PDB file of N, CA and C in Angstrom:
ATOM      1  N   MET A   1     158.766 198.778 125.172  1.00  0.00           N
ATOM      2  CA  MET A   1     159.784 197.908 124.611  1.00  0.00           C
ATOM      3  C   MET A   1     161.095 198.646 124.399  1.00  0.00           C
ATOM      4  N   GLY A   2     161.040 199.922 124.157  1.00  0.00           N
ATOM      5  CA  GLY A   2     162.277 200.659 123.967  1.00  0.00           C
ATOM      6  C   GLY A   2     162.915 201.076 125.275  1.00  0.00           C
ATOM      7  N   ALA A   3     162.092 201.290 126.295  1.00  0.00           N
ATOM      8  CA  ALA A   3     162.623 201.780 127.558  1.00  0.00           C
ATOM      9  C   ALA A   3     163.387 200.700 128.322  1.00  0.00           C
ATOM     10  N   LEU A   4     162.915 199.459 128.313  1.00  0.00           N
ATOM     11  CA  LEU A   4     163.582 198.403 129.090  1.00  0.00           C
ATOM     12  C   LEU A   4     165.009 198.126 128.610  1.00  0.00           C
ATOM     13  N   PRO A   5     165.247 197.862 127.323  1.00  0.00           N
ATOM     14  CA  PRO A   5     166.630 197.660 126.896  1.00  0.00           C
ATOM     15  C   PRO A   5     167.486 198.916 127.037  1.00  0.00           C
ATOM     16  N   PHE A   6     166.872 200.074 126.862  1.00  0.00           N
ATOM     17  CA  PHE A   6     167.598 201.331 127.001  1.00  0.00           C
ATOM     18  C   PHE A   6     168.085 201.501 128.432  1.00  0.00           C
ATOM     19  N   LEU A   7     167.181 201.272 129.401  1.00  0.00           N
ATOM     20  CA  LEU A   7     167.559 201.383 130.808  1.00  0.00           C
ATOM     21  C   LEU A   7     168.560 200.310 131.203  1.00  0.00           C
ATOM     22  N   HIS A   8     168.405 199.104 130.668  1.00  0.00           N
ATOM     23  CA  HIS A   8     169.359 198.038 130.964  1.00  0.00           C
ATOM     24  C   HIS A   8     170.725 198.321 130.330  1.00  0.00           C
ATOM     25  N   GLY A   9     170.725 198.888 129.149  1.00  0.00           N
ATOM     26  CA  GLY A   9     171.983 199.214 128.484  1.00  0.00           C
ATOM     27  C   GLY A   9     172.805 200.239 129.251  1.00  0.00           C
ATOM     28  N   TYR A  10     172.129 201.145 129.938  1.00  0.00           N
ATOM     29  CA  TYR A  10     172.822 202.136 130.753  1.00  0.00           C
ATOM     30  C   TYR A  10     172.878 201.733 132.226  1.00  0.00           C
ATOM     31  N   GLU A  11     172.607 200.452 132.499  1.00  0.00           N
ATOM     32  CA  GLU A  11     172.708 199.832 133.821  1.00  0.00           C
ATOM     33  C   GLU A  11     171.875 200.537 134.884  1.00  0.00           C
ATOM     34  N   MET A  12     170.676 200.974 134.490  1.00  0.00           N
ATOM     35  CA  MET A  12     169.757 201.567 135.449  1.00  0.00           C
ATOM     36  C   MET A  12     168.834 200.518 136.056  1.00  0.00           C
ATOM     37  N   ILE A  13     168.602 199.424 135.323  1.00  0.00           N
ATOM     38  CA  ILE A  13     167.832 198.296 135.832  1.00  0.00           C
ATOM     39  C   ILE A  13     168.598 197.014 135.536  1.00  0.00           C
ATOM     40  N   ASP A  14     168.282 195.954 136.287  1.00  0.00           N
ATOM     41  CA  ASP A  14     168.969 194.674 136.108  1.00  0.00           C
ATOM     42  C   ASP A  14     168.260 193.745 135.139  1.00  0.00           C
ATOM     43  N   PHE A  15     166.973 193.963 134.883  1.00  0.00           N
ATOM     44  CA  PHE A  15     166.184 193.072 134.043  1.00  0.00           C
ATOM     45  C   PHE A  15     166.563 193.242 132.580  1.00  0.00           C
ATOM     46  N   ASP A  16     166.926 192.147 131.928  1.00  0.00           N
ATOM     47  CA  ASP A  16     167.318 192.177 130.519  1.00  0.00           C
ATOM     48  C   ASP A  16     166.376 191.297 129.715  1.00  0.00           C
ATOM     49  N   ILE A  17     165.460 191.920 128.979  1.00  0.00           N
ATOM     50  CA  ILE A  17     164.485 191.166 128.191  1.00  0.00           C
ATOM     51  C   ILE A  17     165.130 190.518 126.973  1.00  0.00           C
ATOM     52  N   THR A  18     166.279 191.025 126.539  1.00  0.00           N
ATOM     53  CA  THR A  18     166.891 190.519 125.321  1.00  0.00           C
ATOM     54  C   THR A  18     167.574 189.164 125.500  1.00  0.00           C
ATOM     55  N   LYS A  19     167.734 188.689 126.721  1.00  0.00           N
ATOM     56  CA  LYS A  19     168.389 187.393 126.900  1.00  0.00           C
ATOM     57  C   LYS A  19     167.410 186.220 126.799  1.00  0.00           C
ATOM     58  N   TYR A  20     166.133 186.478 126.650  1.00  0.00           N
ATOM     59  CA  TYR A  20     165.122 185.436 126.493  1.00  0.00           C
ATOM     60  C   TYR A  20     164.629 185.434 125.044  1.00  0.00           C
ATOM     61  N   PRO A  21     165.035 184.458 124.220  1.00  0.00           N
ATOM     62  CA  PRO A  21     164.682 184.491 122.796  1.00  0.00           C
ATOM     63  C   PRO A  21     163.181 184.479 122.525  1.00  0.00           C
ATOM     64  N   VAL A  22     162.414 183.735 123.314  1.00  0.00           N
ATOM     65  CA  VAL A  22     160.968 183.674 123.075  1.00  0.00           C
ATOM     66  C   VAL A  22     160.341 185.041 123.300  1.00  0.00           C
ATOM     67  N   PHE A  23     160.756 185.716 124.360  1.00  0.00           N
ATOM     68  CA  PHE A  23     160.225 187.048 124.622  1.00  0.00           C
ATOM     69  C   PHE A  23     160.612 188.017 123.509  1.00  0.00           C
ATOM     70  N   ASN A  24     161.813 187.828 122.965  1.00  0.00           N
ATOM     71  CA  ASN A  24     162.246 188.690 121.869  1.00  0.00           C
ATOM     72  C   ASN A  24     161.317 188.574 120.669  1.00  0.00           C
ATOM     73  N   TYR A  25     161.013 187.349 120.241  1.00  0.00           N
ATOM     74  CA  TYR A  25     160.173 187.179 119.054  1.00  0.00           C
ATOM     75  C   TYR A  25     158.743 187.633 119.305  1.00  0.00           C
ATOM     76  N   VAL A  26     158.234 187.401 120.492  1.00  0.00           N
ATOM     77  CA  VAL A  26     156.893 187.891 120.835  1.00  0.00           C
ATOM     78  C   VAL A  26     156.895 189.416 120.856  1.00  0.00           C
ATOM     79  N   ALA A  27     157.936 189.990 121.432  1.00  0.00           N
ATOM     80  CA  ALA A  27     158.032 191.447 121.489  1.00  0.00           C
ATOM     81  C   ALA A  27     158.135 192.034 120.088  1.00  0.00           C
ATOM     82  N   TYR A  28     158.944 191.420 119.218  1.00  0.00           N
ATOM     83  CA  TYR A  28     159.070 191.934 117.857  1.00  0.00           C
ATOM     84  C   TYR A  28     157.756 191.815 117.098  1.00  0.00           C
ATOM     85  N   PHE A  29     156.996 190.765 117.361  1.00  0.00           N
ATOM     86  CA  PHE A  29     155.679 190.619 116.747  1.00  0.00           C
ATOM     87  C   PHE A  29     154.775 191.782 117.156  1.00  0.00           C
ATOM     88  N   PHE A  30     154.769 192.114 118.447  1.00  0.00           N
ATOM     89  CA  PHE A  30     153.940 193.224 118.912  1.00  0.00           C
ATOM     90  C   PHE A  30     154.459 194.571 118.415  1.00  0.00           C
ATOM     91  N   ILE A  31     155.758 194.683 118.229  1.00  0.00           N
ATOM     92  CA  ILE A  31     156.319 195.926 117.690  1.00  0.00           C
ATOM     93  C   ILE A  31     155.873 196.128 116.248  1.00  0.00           C
ATOM     94  N   VAL A  32     155.856 195.063 115.464  1.00  0.00           N
ATOM     95  CA  VAL A  32     155.381 195.173 114.083  1.00  0.00           C
ATOM     96  C   VAL A  32     153.887 195.508 114.056  1.00  0.00           C
ATOM     97  N   LEU A  33     153.115 194.924 114.977  1.00  0.00           N
ATOM     98  CA  LEU A  33     151.690 195.279 115.065  1.00  0.00           C
ATOM     99  C   LEU A  33     151.516 196.748 115.443  1.00  0.00           C
ATOM    100  N   ALA A  34     152.353 197.243 116.345  1.00  0.00           N
ATOM    101  CA  ALA A  34     152.285 198.660 116.707  1.00  0.00           C
ATOM    102  C   ALA A  34     152.647 199.530 115.501  1.00  0.00           C
ATOM    103  N   GLY A  35     153.608 199.094 114.710  1.00  0.00           N
ATOM    104  CA  GLY A  35     153.947 199.821 113.486  1.00  0.00           C
ATOM    105  C   GLY A  35     152.788 199.858 112.508  1.00  0.00           C
ATOM    106  N   LYS A  36     152.077 198.744 112.405  1.00  0.00           N
ATOM    107  CA  LYS A  36     150.898 198.707 111.535  1.00  0.00           C
ATOM    108  C   LYS A  36     149.840 199.691 112.025  1.00  0.00           C
ATOM    109  N   ASP A  37     149.622 199.727 113.343  1.00  0.00           N
ATOM    110  CA  ASP A  37     148.643 200.663 113.893  1.00  0.00           C
ATOM    111  C   ASP A  37     149.071 202.113 113.690  1.00  0.00           C
ATOM    112  N   LEU A  38     150.366 202.375 113.846  1.00  0.00           N
ATOM    113  CA  LEU A  38     150.859 203.730 113.620  1.00  0.00           C
ATOM    114  C   LEU A  38     150.680 204.124 112.155  1.00  0.00           C
ATOM    115  N   LEU A  39     150.898 203.185 111.248  1.00  0.00           N
ATOM    116  CA  LEU A  39     150.703 203.457 109.819  1.00  0.00           C
ATOM    117  C   LEU A  39     149.226 203.764 109.532  1.00  0.00           C
ATOM    118  N   LYS A  40     148.328 202.980 110.105  1.00  0.00           N
ATOM    119  CA  LYS A  40     146.895 203.234 109.922  1.00  0.00           C
ATOM    120  C   LYS A  40     146.504 204.584 110.498  1.00  0.00           C
ATOM    121  N   GLU A  41     147.018 204.912 111.686  1.00  0.00           N
ATOM    122  CA  GLU A  41     146.721 206.213 112.285  1.00  0.00           C
ATOM    123  C   GLU A  41     147.246 207.349 111.418  1.00  0.00           C
ATOM    124  N   GLY A  42     148.429 207.141 110.856  1.00  0.00           N
ATOM    125  CA  GLY A  42     149.008 208.178 110.002  1.00  0.00           C
ATOM    126  C   GLY A  42     148.130 208.479 108.805  1.00  0.00           C
ATOM    127  N   PHE A  43     147.545 207.448 108.208  1.00  0.00           N
ATOM    128  CA  PHE A  43     146.669 207.687 107.061  1.00  0.00           C
ATOM    129  C   PHE A  43     145.313 208.252 107.480  1.00  0.00           C
ATOM    130  N   LYS A  44     144.869 207.967 108.706  1.00  0.00           N
ATOM    131  CA  LYS A  44     143.585 208.488 109.170  1.00  0.00           C
ATOM    132  C   LYS A  44     143.657 209.939 109.617  1.00  0.00           C
ATOM    133  N   GLU A  45     144.841 210.391 110.046  1.00  0.00           N
ATOM    134  CA  GLU A  45     144.977 211.767 110.499  1.00  0.00           C
ATOM    135  C   GLU A  45     144.763 212.692 109.313  1.00  0.00           C
ATOM    136  N   GLY A  46     143.837 213.605 109.473  1.00  0.00           N
ATOM    137  CA  GLY A  46     143.465 214.484 108.368  1.00  0.00           C
ATOM    138  C   GLY A  46     144.586 215.397 107.928  1.00  0.00           C
ATOM    139  N   GLU A  47     144.566 216.616 108.369  1.00  0.00           N
ATOM    140  CA  GLU A  47     145.582 217.601 107.996  1.00  0.00           C
ATOM    141  C   GLU A  47     146.544 217.845 109.150  1.00  0.00           C
ATOM    142  N   SER A  48     146.755 216.856 109.957  1.00  0.00           N
ATOM    143  CA  SER A  48     147.642 216.967 111.114  1.00  0.00           C
ATOM    144  C   SER A  48     149.094 217.073 110.659  1.00  0.00           C
ATOM    145  N   PRO A  49     149.896 217.886 111.357  1.00  0.00           N
ATOM    146  CA  PRO A  49     151.319 217.965 111.000  1.00  0.00           C
ATOM    147  C   PRO A  49     152.077 216.675 111.331  1.00  0.00           C
ATOM    148  N   LEU A  50     151.465 215.775 112.074  1.00  0.00           N
ATOM    149  CA  LEU A  50     152.103 214.511 112.431  1.00  0.00           C
ATOM    150  C   LEU A  50     151.796 213.390 111.448  1.00  0.00           C
ATOM    151  N   LYS A  51     151.045 213.688 110.403  1.00  0.00           N
ATOM    152  CA  LYS A  51     150.654 212.647 109.456  1.00  0.00           C
ATOM    153  C   LYS A  51     151.853 212.034 108.751  1.00  0.00           C
ATOM    154  N   LEU A  52     152.663 212.831 108.092  1.00  0.00           N
ATOM    155  CA  LEU A  52     153.814 212.324 107.351  1.00  0.00           C
ATOM    156  C   LEU A  52     154.883 211.713 108.265  1.00  0.00           C
ATOM    157  N   PRO A  53     155.226 212.363 109.402  1.00  0.00           N
ATOM    158  CA  PRO A  53     156.193 211.709 110.301  1.00  0.00           C
ATOM    159  C   PRO A  53     155.704 210.374 110.849  1.00  0.00           C
ATOM    160  N   SER A  54     154.413 210.265 111.101  1.00  0.00           N
ATOM    161  CA  SER A  54     153.859 208.997 111.590  1.00  0.00           C
ATOM    162  C   SER A  54     154.008 207.894 110.550  1.00  0.00           C
ATOM    163  N   ILE A  55     153.728 208.217 109.309  1.00  0.00           N
ATOM    164  CA  ILE A  55     153.840 207.218 108.240  1.00  0.00           C
ATOM    165  C   ILE A  55     155.297 206.810 108.040  1.00  0.00           C
ATOM    166  N   ILE A  56     156.203 207.775 108.047  1.00  0.00           N
ATOM    167  CA  ILE A  56     157.627 207.473 107.859  1.00  0.00           C
ATOM    168  C   ILE A  56     158.160 206.638 109.023  1.00  0.00           C
ATOM    169  N   LEU A  57     157.805 207.007 110.250  1.00  0.00           N
ATOM    170  CA  LEU A  57     158.247 206.243 111.419  1.00  0.00           C
ATOM    171  C   LEU A  57     157.689 204.827 111.399  1.00  0.00           C
ATOM    172  N   ALA A  58     156.441 204.668 110.983  1.00  0.00           N
ATOM    173  CA  ALA A  58     155.828 203.340 110.935  1.00  0.00           C
ATOM    174  C   ALA A  58     156.535 202.455 109.916  1.00  0.00           C
ATOM    175  N   ILE A  59     156.833 203.000 108.761  1.00  0.00           N
ATOM    176  CA  ILE A  59     157.535 202.213 107.735  1.00  0.00           C
ATOM    177  C   ILE A  59     158.939 201.849 108.216  1.00  0.00           C
ATOM    178  N   ALA A  60     159.630 202.792 108.846  1.00  0.00           N
ATOM    179  CA  ALA A  60     160.965 202.511 109.377  1.00  0.00           C
ATOM    180  C   ALA A  60     160.902 201.453 110.469  1.00  0.00           C
ATOM    181  N   LEU A  61     159.913 201.544 111.346  1.00  0.00           N
ATOM    182  CA  LEU A  61     159.762 200.579 112.438  1.00  0.00           C
ATOM    183  C   LEU A  61     159.510 199.179 111.905  1.00  0.00           C
ATOM    184  N   ILE A  62     158.590 199.061 110.981  1.00  0.00           N
ATOM    185  CA  ILE A  62     158.265 197.744 110.425  1.00  0.00           C
ATOM    186  C   ILE A  62     159.457 197.177 109.659  1.00  0.00           C
ATOM    187  N   THR A  63     160.099 197.998 108.850  1.00  0.00           N
ATOM    188  CA  THR A  63     161.220 197.529 108.031  1.00  0.00           C
ATOM    189  C   THR A  63     162.407 197.101 108.878  1.00  0.00           C
ATOM    190  N   LEU A  64     162.844 197.948 109.788  1.00  0.00           N
ATOM    191  CA  LEU A  64     164.016 197.636 110.606  1.00  0.00           C
ATOM    192  C   LEU A  64     163.781 196.432 111.506  1.00  0.00           C
ATOM    193  N   THR A  65     162.605 196.354 112.095  1.00  0.00           N
ATOM    194  CA  THR A  65     162.306 195.231 112.977  1.00  0.00           C
ATOM    195  C   THR A  65     162.208 193.925 112.200  1.00  0.00           C
ATOM    196  N   THR A  66     161.558 193.955 111.047  1.00  0.00           N
ATOM    197  CA  THR A  66     161.386 192.739 110.264  1.00  0.00           C
ATOM    198  C   THR A  66     162.717 192.235 109.704  1.00  0.00           C
ATOM    199  N   ILE A  67     163.529 193.128 109.172  1.00  0.00           N
ATOM    200  CA  ILE A  67     164.806 192.694 108.598  1.00  0.00           C
ATOM    201  C   ILE A  67     165.721 192.114 109.667  1.00  0.00           C
ATOM    202  N   SER A  68     165.818 192.781 110.828  1.00  0.00           N
ATOM    203  CA  SER A  68     166.709 192.267 111.867  1.00  0.00           C
ATOM    204  C   SER A  68     166.201 190.949 112.447  1.00  0.00           C
ATOM    205  N   THR A  69     164.895 190.803 112.594  1.00  0.00           N
ATOM    206  CA  THR A  69     164.343 189.549 113.118  1.00  0.00           C
ATOM    207  C   THR A  69     164.545 188.405 112.131  1.00  0.00           C
ATOM    208  N   LEU A  70     164.277 188.643 110.855  1.00  0.00           N
ATOM    209  CA  LEU A  70     164.473 187.595 109.855  1.00  0.00           C
ATOM    210  C   LEU A  70     165.945 187.204 109.729  1.00  0.00           C
ATOM    211  N   ASN A  71     166.837 188.161 109.900  1.00  0.00           N
ATOM    212  CA  ASN A  71     168.258 187.841 109.867  1.00  0.00           C
ATOM    213  C   ASN A  71     168.651 186.968 111.058  1.00  0.00           C
ATOM    214  N   ARG A  72     168.162 187.293 112.246  1.00  0.00           N
ATOM    215  CA  ARG A  72     168.465 186.479 113.432  1.00  0.00           C
ATOM    216  C   ARG A  72     167.903 185.068 113.314  1.00  0.00           C
ATOM    217  N   MET A  73     166.787 184.927 112.618  1.00  0.00           N
ATOM    218  CA  MET A  73     166.187 183.604 112.443  1.00  0.00           C
ATOM    219  C   MET A  73     166.856 182.825 111.323  1.00  0.00           C
ATOM    220  N   GLY A  74     167.703 183.469 110.531  1.00  0.00           N
ATOM    221  CA  GLY A  74     168.397 182.800 109.448  1.00  0.00           C
ATOM    222  C   GLY A  74     167.609 182.724 108.156  1.00  0.00           C
ATOM    223  N   VAL A  75     166.536 183.488 108.047  1.00  0.00           N
ATOM    224  CA  VAL A  75     165.706 183.464 106.848  1.00  0.00           C
ATOM    225  C   VAL A  75     166.357 184.259 105.724  1.00  0.00           C
ATOM    226  N   ILE A  76     166.945 185.392 106.079  1.00  0.00           N
ATOM    227  CA  ILE A  76     167.654 186.198 105.091  1.00  0.00           C
ATOM    228  C   ILE A  76     169.113 186.307 105.518  1.00  0.00           C
ATOM    229  N   LYS A  77     169.980 186.551 104.568  1.00  0.00           N
ATOM    230  CA  LYS A  77     171.420 186.546 104.846  1.00  0.00           C
ATOM    231  C   LYS A  77     172.014 187.936 105.040  1.00  0.00           C
ATOM    232  N   PHE A  78     171.287 189.004 104.707  1.00  0.00           N
ATOM    233  CA  PHE A  78     171.858 190.335 104.878  1.00  0.00           C
ATOM    234  C   PHE A  78     171.296 190.982 106.144  1.00  0.00           C
ATOM    235  N   ALA A  79     172.062 191.900 106.685  1.00  0.00           N
ATOM    236  CA  ALA A  79     171.641 192.580 107.907  1.00  0.00           C
ATOM    237  C   ALA A  79     171.948 194.063 107.794  1.00  0.00           C
ATOM    238  N   LEU A  80     171.171 194.845 108.475  1.00  0.00           N
ATOM    239  CA  LEU A  80     171.450 196.271 108.584  1.00  0.00           C
ATOM    240  C   LEU A  80     172.262 196.449 109.861  1.00  0.00           C
ATOM    241  N   ASP A  81     173.452 196.974 109.723  1.00  0.00           N
ATOM    242  CA  ASP A  81     174.344 197.086 110.868  1.00  0.00           C
ATOM    243  C   ASP A  81     174.252 198.490 111.470  1.00  0.00           C
ATOM    244  N   TYR A  82     173.577 198.592 112.586  1.00  0.00           N
ATOM    245  CA  TYR A  82     173.442 199.849 113.311  1.00  0.00           C
ATOM    246  C   TYR A  82     173.353 199.524 114.799  1.00  0.00           C
ATOM    247  N   PRO A  83     173.646 200.486 115.656  1.00  0.00           N
ATOM    248  CA  PRO A  83     173.629 200.197 117.099  1.00  0.00           C
ATOM    249  C   PRO A  83     172.213 199.942 117.605  1.00  0.00           C
ATOM    250  N   PRO A  84     172.074 199.077 118.625  1.00  0.00           N
ATOM    251  CA  PRO A  84     170.747 198.774 119.159  1.00  0.00           C
ATOM    252  C   PRO A  84     170.043 199.984 119.766  1.00  0.00           C
ATOM    253  N   ALA A  85     170.791 201.004 120.147  1.00  0.00           N
ATOM    254  CA  ALA A  85     170.165 202.194 120.715  1.00  0.00           C
ATOM    255  C   ALA A  85     169.225 202.853 119.715  1.00  0.00           C
ATOM    256  N   ILE A  86     169.499 202.709 118.438  1.00  0.00           N
ATOM    257  CA  ILE A  86     168.605 203.268 117.417  1.00  0.00           C
ATOM    258  C   ILE A  86     167.247 202.577 117.484  1.00  0.00           C
ATOM    259  N   ASP A  87     167.244 201.256 117.658  1.00  0.00           N
ATOM    260  CA  ASP A  87     165.975 200.534 117.825  1.00  0.00           C
ATOM    261  C   ASP A  87     165.225 201.025 119.051  1.00  0.00           C
ATOM    262  N   TRP A  88     165.914 201.152 120.151  1.00  0.00           N
ATOM    263  CA  TRP A  88     165.263 201.564 121.395  1.00  0.00           C
ATOM    264  C   TRP A  88     164.639 202.942 121.266  1.00  0.00           C
ATOM    265  N   ILE A  89     165.389 203.862 120.673  1.00  0.00           N
ATOM    266  CA  ILE A  89     164.869 205.221 120.496  1.00  0.00           C
ATOM    267  C   ILE A  89     163.696 205.217 119.527  1.00  0.00           C
ATOM    268  N   LEU A  90     163.791 204.411 118.470  1.00  0.00           N
ATOM    269  CA  LEU A  90     162.692 204.307 117.505  1.00  0.00           C
ATOM    270  C   LEU A  90     161.435 203.767 118.174  1.00  0.00           C
ATOM    271  N   TYR A  91     161.578 202.768 119.047  1.00  0.00           N
ATOM    272  CA  TYR A  91     160.426 202.212 119.759  1.00  0.00           C
ATOM    273  C   TYR A  91     159.769 203.263 120.648  1.00  0.00           C
ATOM    274  N   ILE A  92     160.582 204.022 121.351  1.00  0.00           N
ATOM    275  CA  ILE A  92     160.045 205.042 122.249  1.00  0.00           C
ATOM    276  C   ILE A  92     159.334 206.140 121.465  1.00  0.00           C
ATOM    277  N   VAL A  93     159.960 206.633 120.404  1.00  0.00           N
ATOM    278  CA  VAL A  93     159.365 207.712 119.603  1.00  0.00           C
ATOM    279  C   VAL A  93     158.074 207.231 118.941  1.00  0.00           C
ATOM    280  N   CYS A  94     158.076 206.015 118.405  1.00  0.00           N
ATOM    281  CA  CYS A  94     156.857 205.485 117.778  1.00  0.00           C
ATOM    282  C   CYS A  94     155.744 205.302 118.807  1.00  0.00           C
ATOM    283  N   GLY A  95     156.092 204.882 120.000  1.00  0.00           N
ATOM    284  CA  GLY A  95     155.091 204.761 121.062  1.00  0.00           C
ATOM    285  C   GLY A  95     154.479 206.105 121.402  1.00  0.00           C
ATOM    286  N   LEU A  96     155.303 207.124 121.469  1.00  0.00           N
ATOM    287  CA  LEU A  96     154.784 208.468 121.735  1.00  0.00           C
ATOM    288  C   LEU A  96     153.897 208.952 120.589  1.00  0.00           C
ATOM    289  N   PHE A  97     154.300 208.673 119.364  1.00  0.00           N
ATOM    290  CA  PHE A  97     153.474 209.051 118.218  1.00  0.00           C
ATOM    291  C   PHE A  97     152.142 208.305 118.219  1.00  0.00           C
ATOM    292  N   LEU A  98     152.140 207.042 118.655  1.00  0.00           N
ATOM    293  CA  LEU A  98     150.882 206.297 118.764  1.00  0.00           C
ATOM    294  C   LEU A  98     149.948 206.949 119.772  1.00  0.00           C
ATOM    295  N   ILE A  99     150.493 207.322 120.918  1.00  0.00           N
ATOM    296  CA  ILE A  99     149.670 207.950 121.965  1.00  0.00           C
ATOM    297  C   ILE A  99     149.138 209.293 121.489  1.00  0.00           C
ATOM    298  N   ILE A 100     149.999 210.104 120.892  1.00  0.00           N
ATOM    299  CA  ILE A 100     149.567 211.410 120.391  1.00  0.00           C
ATOM    300  C   ILE A 100     148.545 211.239 119.270  1.00  0.00           C
ATOM    301  N   GLY A 101     148.760 210.255 118.392  1.00  0.00           N
ATOM    302  CA  GLY A 101     147.826 210.007 117.289  1.00  0.00           C
ATOM    303  C   GLY A 101     146.442 209.612 117.764  1.00  0.00           C
ATOM    304  N   ILE A 102     146.376 208.864 118.853  1.00  0.00           N
ATOM    305  CA  ILE A 102     145.064 208.491 119.397  1.00  0.00           C
ATOM    306  C   ILE A 102     144.307 209.714 119.852  1.00  0.00           C
ATOM    307  N   PHE A 103     144.992 210.628 120.528  1.00  0.00           N
ATOM    308  CA  PHE A 103     144.325 211.849 120.964  1.00  0.00           C
ATOM    309  C   PHE A 103     143.910 212.727 119.791  1.00  0.00           C
ATOM    310  N   ILE A 104     144.721 212.749 118.735  1.00  0.00           N
ATOM    311  CA  ILE A 104     144.345 213.523 117.543  1.00  0.00           C
ATOM    312  C   ILE A 104     143.097 212.933 116.905  1.00  0.00           C
ATOM    313  N   LEU A 105     143.033 211.589 116.801  1.00  0.00           N
ATOM    314  CA  LEU A 105     141.864 210.957 116.195  1.00  0.00           C
ATOM    315  C   LEU A 105     140.616 211.168 117.051  1.00  0.00           C
ATOM    316  N   PHE A 106     140.751 211.121 118.377  1.00  0.00           N
ATOM    317  CA  PHE A 106     139.602 211.372 119.246  1.00  0.00           C
ATOM    318  C   PHE A 106     139.133 212.816 119.140  1.00  0.00           C
ATOM    319  N   SER A 107     140.066 213.741 118.973  1.00  0.00           N
ATOM    320  CA  SER A 107     139.660 215.156 118.868  1.00  0.00           C
ATOM    321  C   SER A 107     138.973 215.429 117.530  1.00  0.00           C
ATOM    322  N   GLU A 108     139.297 214.629 116.502  1.00  0.00           N
ATOM    323  CA  GLU A 108     138.651 214.810 115.206  1.00  0.00           C
ATOM    324  C   GLU A 108     137.322 214.059 115.121  1.00  0.00           C
ATOM    325  N   GLY A 109     137.015 213.223 116.098  1.00  0.00           N
ATOM    326  CA  GLY A 109     135.748 212.514 116.115  1.00  0.00           C
ATOM    327  C   GLY A 109     135.765 211.195 115.378  1.00  0.00           C
ATOM    328  N   GLU A 110     136.925 210.583 115.167  1.00  0.00           N
ATOM    329  CA  GLU A 110     137.021 209.297 114.468  1.00  0.00           C
ATOM    330  C   GLU A 110     136.550 208.183 115.358  1.00  0.00           C
TER     331      GLU A 110
END
């Protein structure tokens, strides 16, 4: 989810997922679910050095995605004003942390 808008923003690909509102809300739903999984993985990781960064990234991912989505839907009136590249980078980093966390949990025997 972070790579497609990032590549489109730098005109490396022509496909723009952000112009389809239904895909946006479905994508944001899955991003929040990924944040929940990253949060669960963060708490399951024993003494891993990635435990605290995983938890912080998961909370940031869930918070930023939820606030911006609710603002676009008109549910809340305030917005966090930051460039979309921050979202894209956050999605990519959280995805990498999810993949690394799975390998850490498998190596610990979870």
